[in-house]
C-alpha atoms as a PDB file:
ATOM      1  CA  MET A   1      -7.341  -0.316   2.721  1.00  0.00           C
ATOM      2  CA  LEU A   2      -7.625  -3.725   3.176  1.00  0.00           C
ATOM      3  CA  CYS A   3     -11.466  -3.936   2.818  1.00  0.00           C
ATOM      4  CA  ALA A   4     -10.850  -2.138  -0.367  1.00  0.00           C
ATOM      5  CA  LEU A   5      -8.161  -4.653  -1.434  1.00  0.00           C
ATOM      6  CA  TRP A   6     -10.758  -7.647  -0.543  1.00  0.00           C
ATOM      7  CA  LEU A   7     -13.640  -5.912  -2.635  1.00  0.00           C
ATOM      8  CA  ALA A   8     -10.807  -5.658  -5.561  1.00  0.00           C
ATOM      9  CA  ARG A   9     -10.064  -9.526  -4.947  1.00  0.00           C
ATOM     10  CA  ARG A  10     -14.109 -10.389  -5.094  1.00  0.00           C
ATOM     11  CA  SER A  11     -14.315  -8.125  -8.216  1.00  0.00           C
ATOM     12  CA  GLY A  12     -11.171  -9.487 -10.113  1.00  0.00           C
ATOM     13  CA  LEU A  13      -9.119  -6.814  -9.734  1.00  0.00           C
ATOM     14  CA  PHE A  14      -6.368  -8.339  -7.575  1.00  0.00           C
ATOM     15  CA  LEU A  15      -5.228 -11.813  -7.762  1.00  0.00           C
ATOM     16  CA  PRO A  16      -3.082 -13.099  -5.349  1.00  0.00           C
ATOM     17  CA  ALA A  17      -0.206 -15.523  -6.531  1.00  0.00           C
ATOM     18  CA  ALA A  18      -2.219 -18.572  -5.373  1.00  0.00           C
ATOM     19  CA  ALA A  19      -5.248 -17.465  -7.031  1.00  0.00           C
ATOM     20  CA  ALA A  20      -3.502 -15.946 -10.210  1.00  0.00           C
ATOM     21  CA  ARG A  21      -4.148 -19.841 -11.923  1.00  0.00           C
ATOM     22  CA  GLY A  22      -0.498 -20.482 -13.217  1.00  0.00           C
ATOM     23  CA  ALA A  23       0.771 -16.744 -13.131  1.00  0.00           C
ATOM     24  CA  ALA A  24       4.212 -16.414 -11.908  1.00  0.00           C
ATOM     25  CA  GLY A  25       3.165 -14.088  -9.200  1.00  0.00           C
ATOM     26  CA  SER A  26       0.140 -11.557  -8.114  1.00  0.00           C
ATOM     27  CA  ARG A  27      -1.595  -9.430 -10.391  1.00  0.00           C
ATOM     28  CA  SER A  28      -3.704  -6.127  -9.207  1.00  0.00           C
ATOM     29  CA  ARG A  29      -5.385  -3.510 -11.404  1.00  0.00           C
ATOM     30  CA  VAL A  30      -6.347  -1.219  -8.650  1.00  0.00           C
ATOM     31  CA  GLY A  31      -4.096   1.388  -7.087  1.00  0.00           C
ATOM     32  CA  LEU A  32      -4.833   2.114  -3.203  1.00  0.00           C
ATOM     33  CA  VAL A  33      -3.633   5.177  -1.944  1.00  0.00           C
ATOM     34  CA  PRO A  34      -4.213   5.820   1.577  1.00  0.00           C
ATOM     35  CA  SER A  35      -4.929   9.579   2.578  1.00  0.00           C
ATOM     36  CA  PHE A  36      -3.984  11.117   5.533  1.00  0.00           C
ATOM     37  CA  LYS A  37      -6.020  13.840   7.119  1.00  0.00           C
ATOM     38  CA  PRO A  38      -3.901  16.353   9.738  1.00  0.00           C
ATOM     39  CA  ALA A  39      -5.616  14.490  12.954  1.00  0.00           C
ATOM     40  CA  ALA A  40      -4.748  11.119  11.316  1.00  0.00           C
ATOM     41  CA  LEU A  41      -0.937  12.068  10.494  1.00  0.00           C
ATOM     42  CA  PRO A  42       0.433  10.958  13.917  1.00  0.00           C
ATOM     43  CA  HIS A  43      -1.058   7.260  13.190  1.00  0.00           C
ATOM     44  CA  ALA A  44       0.278   7.769   9.295  1.00  0.00           C
ATOM     45  CA  SER A  45       3.462   5.511  10.184  1.00  0.00           C
ATOM     46  CA  TYR A  46       1.818   2.874  12.120  1.00  0.00           C
ATOM     47  CA  THR A  47      -1.028   2.537   9.620  1.00  0.00           C
ATOM     48  CA  LEU A  48       1.519   1.991   6.897  1.00  0.00           C
ATOM     49  CA  ALA A  49       3.636  -0.572   8.601  1.00  0.00           C
ATOM     50  CA  THR A  50       0.316  -2.436   9.376  1.00  0.00           C
ATOM     51  CA  LEU A  51      -0.525  -2.603   5.989  1.00  0.00           C
ATOM     52  CA  TYR A  52       3.133  -3.492   4.615  1.00  0.00           C
ATOM     53  CA  ALA A  53       3.472  -6.189   7.249  1.00  0.00           C
ATOM     54  CA  ASN A  54      -0.117  -7.784   5.963  1.00  0.00           C
ATOM     55  CA  ALA A  55       0.422 -11.139   3.665  1.00  0.00           C
ATOM     56  CA  ALA A  56      -2.191  -9.782   0.919  1.00  0.00           C
ATOM     57  CA  TYR A  57      -1.506  -6.126   0.931  1.00  0.00           C
ATOM     58  CA  LYS A  58       2.415  -7.247   0.327  1.00  0.00           C
ATOM     59  CA  GLN A  59       1.080  -9.496  -2.845  1.00  0.00           C
ATOM     60  CA  HIS A  60      -0.514  -6.436  -4.002  1.00  0.00           C
ATOM     61  CA  LEU A  61       2.528  -4.113  -3.651  1.00  0.00           C
ATOM     62  CA  ALA A  62       4.803  -6.731  -5.630  1.00  0.00           C
ATOM     63  CA  ALA A  63       2.011  -6.635  -8.351  1.00  0.00           C
ATOM     64  CA  ARG A  64       2.185  -3.310  -8.654  1.00  0.00           C
ATOM     65  CA  GLY A  65       6.035  -2.943  -8.624  1.00  0.00           C
ATOM     66  CA  ASN A  66       6.530  -2.206  -4.706  1.00  0.00           C
ATOM     67  CA  ALA A  67       5.223   1.148  -5.386  1.00  0.00           C
ATOM     68  CA  GLN A  68       2.931   3.034  -2.708  1.00  0.00           C
ATOM     69  CA  ARG A  69       1.333   6.354  -3.287  1.00  0.00           C
ATOM     70  CA  VAL A  70      -0.009   8.167  -0.258  1.00  0.00           C
ATOM     71  CA  GLN A  71      -1.810  11.158  -0.050  1.00  0.00           C
ATOM     72  CA  LEU A  72      -1.000  13.881   2.585  1.00  0.00           C
ATOM     73  CA  GLU A  73      -2.127  17.278   3.726  1.00  0.00           C
ATOM     74  CA  ALA A  74      -0.077  20.113   2.671  1.00  0.00           C
ATOM     75  CA  GLY A  75       2.660  20.935   5.169  1.00  0.00           C
ATOM     76  CA  ALA A  76       3.412  17.640   6.440  1.00  0.00           C
ATOM     77  CA  GLY A  77       6.854  17.695   5.126  1.00  0.00           C
ATOM     78  CA  GLU A  78       8.505  15.852   8.358  1.00  0.00           C
ATOM     79  CA  VAL A  79       5.785  13.180   8.155  1.00  0.00           C
ATOM     80  CA  HIS A  80       6.560  12.735   4.308  1.00  0.00           C
ATOM     81  CA  GLU A  81      10.405  11.807   5.428  1.00  0.00           C
ATOM     82  CA  ARG A  82       9.567   9.746   8.070  1.00  0.00           C
ATOM     83  CA  LEU A  83       7.057   7.933   5.836  1.00  0.00           C
ATOM     84  CA  ALA A  84       9.285   7.836   2.834  1.00  0.00           C
ATOM     85  CA  ARG A  85      12.126   6.250   5.419  1.00  0.00           C
ATOM     86  CA  GLN A  86       9.920   3.616   6.634  1.00  0.00           C
ATOM     87  CA  ALA A  87       8.927   2.438   3.158  1.00  0.00           C
ATOM     88  CA  ARG A  88      12.494   2.037   2.240  1.00  0.00           C
ATOM     89  CA  SER A  89      12.997  -0.069   4.986  1.00  0.00           C
ATOM     90  CA  TRP A  90      10.198  -2.197   3.885  1.00  0.00           C
ATOM     91  CA  GLY A  91      11.574  -2.195   0.129  1.00  0.00           C
ATOM     92  CA  VAL A  92       8.620   0.045  -1.024  1.00  0.00           C
ATOM     93  CA  VAL A  93       8.836   2.931  -3.496  1.00  0.00           C
ATOM     94  CA  PHE A  94       7.110   5.897  -1.769  1.00  0.00           C
ATOM     95  CA  SER A  95       5.810   8.808  -3.269  1.00  0.00           C
ATOM     96  CA  VAL A  96       3.274  11.713  -2.478  1.00  0.00           C
END
């Protein structure tokens, strides 16, 4: 995800606040959607917490209204609830 964000920055699709040249904040025209397959579900919470704690990713989320969309496999209801609670604790609006 961070590599994709780096590529978005290099291509001008993501401009952090410091690079937005006089803008009142970050701009991001790319939506990053982490996808968690069944084998990765146990690590989803850690992965998202790492992203939410990253300064560049925080700016990306802020530029997109603090909204995070995630792709989960069917039947991941318990994981969905845990990730939604975690997102709320970071001030992020979570959707699947």
